[in-house]
Every structure is written in structure tokens, then in C-alpha cells.
Protein backbone atom coordinates (compact mmCIF):
# COMPACT_ATOMS: atom_id res chain seq x y z
CA UNK A 1 30.78 143.85 -83.32
CA UNK A 2 32.92 146.87 -82.32
CA UNK A 3 35.61 144.49 -81.08
CA UNK A 4 35.65 142.68 -84.43
CA UNK A 5 35.90 145.95 -86.35
CA UNK A 6 38.83 147.00 -84.15
CA UNK A 7 40.67 143.72 -84.79
CA UNK A 8 40.07 143.94 -88.55
CA UNK A 9 41.44 147.49 -88.61
CA UNK A 10 44.52 146.39 -86.69
CA UNK A 11 45.13 143.57 -89.15
CA UNK A 12 44.88 145.94 -92.10
CA UNK A 13 47.07 148.65 -90.57
CA UNK A 14 49.68 146.08 -89.47
CA UNK A 15 49.65 144.06 -92.69
CA UNK A 16 53.14 145.09 -93.80
CA UNK A 17 54.52 144.43 -90.30
CA UNK A 18 52.83 141.01 -90.26
CA UNK A 19 54.53 140.11 -93.56
CA UNK A 20 57.95 141.21 -92.27
CA UNK A 21 57.63 139.40 -88.95
CA UNK A 22 56.33 136.23 -90.61
CA UNK A 23 59.30 136.21 -93.01
CA UNK A 24 61.67 136.55 -90.05
CA UNK A 25 59.79 133.82 -88.17
CA UNK A 26 60.15 131.45 -91.10
CA UNK A 27 63.82 132.27 -91.59
CA UNK A 28 64.72 131.76 -87.93
CA UNK A 29 62.80 128.49 -87.56
CA UNK A 30 65.59 126.32 -89.00
CA UNK A 31 68.70 128.45 -88.54
CA UNK A 32 70.42 125.75 -86.48
CA UNK A 33 69.66 122.88 -88.87
CA UNK A 34 72.06 121.85 -91.63
CA UNK A 35 69.21 121.14 -94.04
CA UNK A 36 67.43 124.35 -93.09
CA UNK A 37 64.06 124.91 -94.74
CA UNK A 38 64.34 121.60 -96.57
CA UNK A 39 62.80 120.10 -93.43
CA UNK A 40 59.56 121.88 -94.36
CA UNK A 41 59.31 119.33 -97.18
CA UNK A 42 61.03 116.33 -95.62
CA UNK A 43 58.79 116.17 -92.55
CA UNK A 44 55.52 116.03 -94.54
CA UNK A 45 57.00 113.47 -96.96
CA UNK A 46 58.00 111.18 -94.09
CA UNK A 47 54.58 111.45 -92.47
CA UNK A 48 52.79 110.84 -95.76
CA UNK A 49 54.84 107.71 -96.36
CA UNK A 50 53.91 106.34 -92.93
CA UNK A 51 50.20 107.13 -93.30
CA UNK A 52 50.11 105.61 -96.79
CA UNK A 53 51.73 102.38 -95.61
CA UNK A 54 49.48 102.05 -92.57
CA UNK A 55 46.13 103.23 -93.95
CA UNK A 56 46.53 102.93 -97.72
CA UNK A 57 48.32 99.61 -97.97
CA UNK A 58 47.60 98.10 -94.56
CA UNK A 59 44.00 99.08 -93.76
CA UNK A 60 42.54 99.62 -97.25
CA UNK A 61 44.69 97.11 -99.10
CA UNK A 62 45.37 99.57 -101.91
CA UNK A 63 41.68 100.19 -102.71
CA UNK A 64 40.79 103.47 -104.40
CA UNK A 65 38.56 106.21 -103.02
CA UNK A 66 35.24 106.88 -104.75
CA UNK A 67 34.43 110.61 -104.81
CA UNK A 68 30.95 112.16 -104.74
CA UNK A 69 30.78 112.39 -108.55
CA UNK A 70 31.80 108.74 -108.98
CA UNK A 71 35.44 109.41 -109.89
CA UNK A 72 37.88 106.85 -108.51
CA UNK A 73 41.00 108.36 -106.93
CA UNK A 74 44.09 106.42 -105.78
CA UNK A 75 44.29 106.56 -101.99
CA UNK A 76 47.71 108.24 -101.96
CA UNK A 77 46.57 111.12 -104.19
CA UNK A 78 43.34 111.49 -102.20
CA UNK A 79 45.31 111.56 -98.95
CA UNK A 80 47.94 114.04 -100.16
CA UNK A 81 45.39 116.59 -101.39
CA UNK A 82 43.82 116.61 -97.95
CA UNK A 83 46.94 116.33 -95.82
CA UNK A 84 48.44 119.52 -97.24
CA UNK A 85 45.70 121.35 -95.33
CA UNK A 86 46.60 119.48 -92.14
CA UNK A 87 50.31 120.25 -92.55
CA UNK A 88 49.28 123.91 -92.52
CA UNK A 89 46.60 124.10 -89.83
CA UNK A 90 48.22 121.72 -87.33
CA UNK A 91 51.42 123.74 -86.67
CA UNK A 92 49.58 127.03 -87.22
CA UNK A 93 47.02 126.26 -84.50
CA UNK A 94 49.64 124.88 -82.13
CA UNK A 95 52.06 127.79 -82.52
CA UNK A 96 49.50 130.60 -82.69
CA UNK A 97 47.77 129.43 -79.51
CA UNK A 98 50.97 130.05 -77.53
CA UNK A 99 52.19 132.96 -79.65
CA UNK A 100 51.26 135.73 -77.20
CA UNK A 101 52.44 134.36 -73.86
CA UNK A 102 55.68 133.04 -75.35
CA UNK A 103 56.53 136.55 -76.58
CA UNK A 104 55.14 138.67 -73.75
CA UNK A 105 58.51 139.87 -72.48
CA UNK A 106 59.44 141.02 -75.98
CA UNK A 107 56.16 142.64 -76.98
CA UNK A 108 55.86 144.54 -73.71
CA UNK A 109 58.76 146.66 -74.96
CA UNK A 110 57.38 147.19 -78.46
CA UNK A 111 54.49 149.22 -79.84
CA UNK A 112 52.25 147.28 -82.19
CA UNK A 113 48.84 145.57 -81.83
CA UNK A 114 48.99 142.28 -79.98
CA UNK A 115 46.38 140.91 -82.37
CA UNK A 116 49.11 140.93 -85.04
CA UNK A 117 51.14 138.32 -83.15
CA UNK A 118 48.98 135.26 -83.95
CA UNK A 119 48.61 136.61 -87.49
CA UNK A 120 52.30 136.65 -88.33
CA UNK A 121 52.76 133.18 -86.79
CA UNK A 122 49.98 131.88 -89.02
CA UNK A 123 51.39 133.69 -92.05
CA UNK A 124 54.83 132.14 -91.48
CA UNK A 125 53.24 128.71 -91.79
CA UNK A 126 51.25 129.86 -94.81
CA UNK A 127 54.46 130.39 -96.81
CA UNK A 128 55.36 126.75 -96.28
CA UNK A 129 51.81 125.79 -97.19
CA UNK A 130 52.08 127.60 -100.53
CA UNK A 131 55.28 125.72 -101.27
CA UNK A 132 53.67 122.35 -100.50
CA UNK A 133 50.59 123.18 -102.59
CA UNK A 134 52.85 124.08 -105.52
CA UNK A 135 54.69 120.75 -105.19
CA UNK A 136 51.41 118.81 -105.06
CA UNK A 137 50.09 120.65 -108.13
CA UNK A 138 53.26 119.77 -110.06
CA UNK A 139 53.00 116.11 -109.01
CA UNK A 140 49.33 115.97 -110.04
CA UNK A 141 50.27 117.01 -113.59
CA UNK A 142 51.86 113.57 -114.00
CA UNK A 143 48.61 111.82 -113.01
CA UNK A 144 45.06 111.75 -114.38
CA UNK A 145 44.22 114.80 -112.25
CA UNK A 146 45.77 117.63 -114.20
CA UNK A 147 45.11 121.33 -113.80
CA UNK A 148 41.51 122.26 -114.49
CA UNK A 149 39.07 125.15 -114.22
CA UNK A 150 38.24 123.97 -110.69
CA UNK A 151 41.54 125.46 -109.55
CA UNK A 152 39.77 128.83 -109.58
CA UNK A 153 38.19 128.00 -106.21
CA UNK A 154 41.53 127.11 -104.56
CA UNK A 155 42.37 130.73 -103.51
CA UNK A 156 38.95 130.94 -101.88
CA UNK A 157 39.65 127.90 -99.69
CA UNK A 158 43.12 129.23 -98.85
CA UNK A 159 41.58 132.51 -97.69
CA UNK A 160 38.89 130.62 -95.76
CA UNK A 161 41.62 128.61 -94.00
CA UNK A 162 43.52 131.76 -93.04
CA UNK A 163 40.40 133.42 -91.62
CA UNK A 164 39.48 130.25 -89.72
CA UNK A 165 42.97 130.08 -88.21
CA UNK A 166 42.88 133.74 -87.19
CA UNK A 167 39.44 133.37 -85.58
CA UNK A 168 40.58 130.33 -83.63
CA UNK A 169 43.93 131.90 -82.69
CA UNK A 170 42.25 134.97 -81.17
CA UNK A 171 40.42 132.64 -78.81
CA UNK A 172 43.15 130.13 -77.99
CA UNK A 173 46.03 132.62 -77.71
CA UNK A 174 44.03 134.71 -75.23
CA UNK A 175 42.91 131.75 -73.14
CA UNK A 176 46.38 130.17 -73.23
CA UNK A 177 47.90 133.37 -71.87
CA UNK A 178 45.43 133.45 -68.98
CA UNK A 179 45.38 129.68 -68.32
CA UNK A 180 48.46 127.81 -69.57
CA UNK A 181 46.66 124.46 -69.39
CA UNK A 182 44.67 125.54 -72.45
CA UNK A 183 47.75 124.91 -74.59
CA UNK A 184 47.81 121.27 -73.47
CA UNK A 185 44.11 120.98 -74.25
CA UNK A 186 44.71 122.38 -77.74
CA UNK A 187 47.45 119.81 -78.37
CA UNK A 188 45.20 116.96 -77.22
CA UNK A 189 42.31 118.12 -79.39
CA UNK A 190 44.60 118.39 -82.43
CA UNK A 191 45.62 114.74 -82.03
CA UNK A 192 41.95 113.79 -82.02
CA UNK A 193 41.02 116.04 -84.95
CA UNK A 194 43.50 114.19 -87.17
CA UNK A 195 41.24 111.14 -87.01
CA UNK A 196 37.82 112.80 -87.16
CA UNK A 197 38.68 114.79 -90.27
CA UNK A 198 38.67 113.06 -93.70
CA UNK A 199 42.44 113.03 -93.99
CA UNK A 200 43.50 109.39 -93.80
CA UNK A 201 40.13 107.63 -93.96
CA UNK A 202 37.10 108.29 -96.12
CA UNK A 203 34.01 109.52 -94.27
CA UNK A 204 31.40 109.37 -97.02
CA UNK A 205 29.15 107.28 -94.77
CA UNK A 206 29.53 106.60 -91.07
CA UNK A 207 26.71 104.38 -89.79
CA UNK A 208 26.21 103.63 -86.10
CA UNK A 209 23.36 101.27 -85.17
CA UNK A 210 21.68 101.93 -88.49
CA UNK A 211 21.94 105.72 -88.24
CA UNK A 212 24.17 107.75 -90.56
CA UNK A 213 26.08 110.13 -88.28
CA UNK A 214 28.37 111.59 -90.96
CA UNK A 215 26.75 114.99 -90.36
CA UNK A 216 28.39 115.09 -86.92
CA UNK A 217 31.83 114.97 -88.54
CA UNK A 218 30.84 117.84 -90.82
CA UNK A 219 30.39 120.07 -87.79
CA UNK A 220 34.18 120.22 -87.83
CA UNK A 221 35.07 123.25 -90.02
CA UNK A 222 38.22 121.47 -91.19
CA UNK A 223 35.98 118.99 -92.98
CA UNK A 224 34.76 121.81 -95.22
CA UNK A 225 38.27 123.09 -95.90
CA UNK A 226 39.80 119.69 -96.63
CA UNK A 227 37.02 118.63 -98.99
CA UNK A 228 37.18 122.04 -100.66
CA UNK A 229 40.89 121.63 -101.36
CA UNK A 230 40.27 118.14 -102.76
CA UNK A 231 37.45 119.35 -104.99
CA UNK A 232 39.76 122.08 -106.33
CA UNK A 233 42.89 120.01 -106.90
CA UNK A 234 41.17 116.86 -108.17
CA UNK A 235 38.61 118.76 -110.25
CA UNK A 236 35.58 116.95 -108.92
CA UNK A 237 33.03 119.64 -108.04
CA UNK A 238 32.35 123.32 -107.33
CA UNK A 239 32.29 122.60 -103.63
CA UNK A 240 31.41 126.09 -102.40
CA UNK A 241 28.20 126.33 -104.44
CA UNK A 242 27.15 122.68 -104.67
CA UNK A 243 27.26 122.48 -100.89
CA UNK A 244 25.85 125.96 -100.30
CA UNK A 245 24.17 125.13 -96.94
CA UNK A 246 27.50 123.79 -95.66
CA UNK A 247 29.24 126.94 -96.90
CA UNK A 248 26.68 129.05 -95.02
CA UNK A 249 27.25 126.99 -91.85
CA UNK A 250 31.03 127.36 -92.15
CA UNK A 251 31.00 131.14 -92.46
CA UNK A 252 28.37 131.52 -89.74
CA UNK A 253 30.62 129.53 -87.42
CA UNK A 254 33.65 131.62 -88.39
CA UNK A 255 31.73 134.84 -87.71
CA UNK A 256 30.76 133.62 -84.24
CA UNK A 257 34.37 132.61 -83.54
CA UNK A 258 35.63 136.00 -84.71
CA UNK A 259 33.15 137.84 -82.50
CA UNK A 260 34.08 135.75 -79.45
CA UNK A 261 37.82 135.90 -80.15
CA UNK A 262 37.82 139.67 -80.74
CA UNK A 263 35.88 140.36 -77.56
CA UNK A 264 38.14 138.10 -75.48
CA UNK A 265 41.33 139.51 -76.94
CA UNK A 266 40.40 143.16 -76.40
CA UNK A 267 39.08 142.50 -72.90
CA UNK A 268 42.27 140.86 -71.60
CA UNK A 269 45.16 142.11 -73.70
CA UNK A 270 45.92 145.12 -71.50
CA UNK A 271 46.43 142.66 -68.65
CA UNK A 272 48.50 140.06 -70.53
CA UNK A 273 51.73 141.19 -68.88
CA UNK A 274 50.18 140.43 -65.47
CA UNK A 275 50.06 136.75 -66.42
CA UNK A 276 53.83 136.41 -66.90
């Protein structure tokens, strides 16, 4: 617990620095591209078009998705409201896991907490996420799923996503610095997670030999976040309270991850330079 308290204090004391470094990270990401930050929108649009053609038109034949409360949602809208989470967590996990060892030569000459490094990488991706969420909200106003009171819970799920990413980054960035193969493992797992999270196919019921094993998919914390975003943007349910046991499981898991990540980070960070 002392390790976690130390990390939290470092995040608070370095908050302004994290914001400045994340802004610089975002600005420098596309400095050599003619279209610049426009690629932050173009890349998701291209991917969404491909997924919609393959899974929406090809696999589902244009059928709608039936939500928990019986509301029918066009597949494209259902997919978009979930994929905006993936477009945030996928690059954030990938980049934050290698954030420390890729900057070791630089940070060895600077004086600030190393725990702030994954944080500003995550925050840089969060700016793009906010922009995509704003675009999706605007688009939804031209559909049957206009702004509703359920939007109140959206900031909660954004905060939950940030904390989840930080907890995971503390673990992966430390392990990736010690063992570089961990980065390859992270990339492989991310490719798998795309298909076991309700992003491009509906997982309301997954039956194997007569047994519903949907609960296994819900062990994935991204399941909670994605469905929470959908419930907020589509106005279907108060997901946090109506699925209170799942909410308790999610935060219990995050707490365990934070405790493990904090302990690992503090144990090895004074020796990170040795792994160059």
C-alpha cells in the first residue's frame, strides 16, 4: 500500500508536467506528415469502414444489435460507440508499455518521477480520444440516439479507463524494461483482445456445448468499459449501478493491478538504467 501511495503522490505532484509533456508528445507525433493530426481521425475512419463492411455487411448481413433493454441499434452505431474506446486503449497500452525503456537515455539526465512517463504517454492519447468522442456525439445527434441524461456517466467511464491504463502501464512498462520480449507479448495479446471484447461482434450470449460462457469474456476489464461507454452514448442503462457486482469486480481488479504495478515500479526503477 505504501508503494501505491507513493505513486499517487508522484502523479499529483507531476500533474502539470504530465500535461505539458503529453501536449508535446501529441504535437511531435505527426510533425513529418503533411496531413498532421488529421491522421488521428482518418485512421479510425478507415478501420471502421473495413470492420463495418466485413462484420456488419458481410457477417451480420446488416442485422441490428438488440441491447439489454430491448432497444435495436444499427450495427454501425453500436460498433462506433465501442470502437472509440479501442482506438484509445490500443495505442495507449502499446506505447505506454515501452515508454520507459525507449526514453531511458533521456530521463537519466532529467529529474522527475519515472512513474510520470507512462502517464503522459497515456494522456497524449487521451486528447485524441476526447476529439473522437466529440465527433461521435455530434454524429449521434443526427440519429435516434441523441444526447440524454445518461451522458452524465460518461466522465466516470473515461476516468475508469485512464486509471485502468495507468495500472496496466505500471506493470507492463516495468516488465518491458527488464525483459524486452514483454513488449512483443503485449502486442500479441492486444490483437487477441480485439476479438474477445464486444467491439465488432455482440457477446450477449456465448454458448459452448450447452453452457453459457459469456461470464468468461466479462473477466476482461475492457468489457466493462466498452459497455459502459455504449450505455452512456446510446442512453440504454445506468451501467455502473445496474451492474453493481460487475462494477465492484472491475475496481477490485484495478486496485490489485495498481498495488502490483506500484510495487514493481518502485522496486526496479532505480535500476532501469542498468537495462539499457
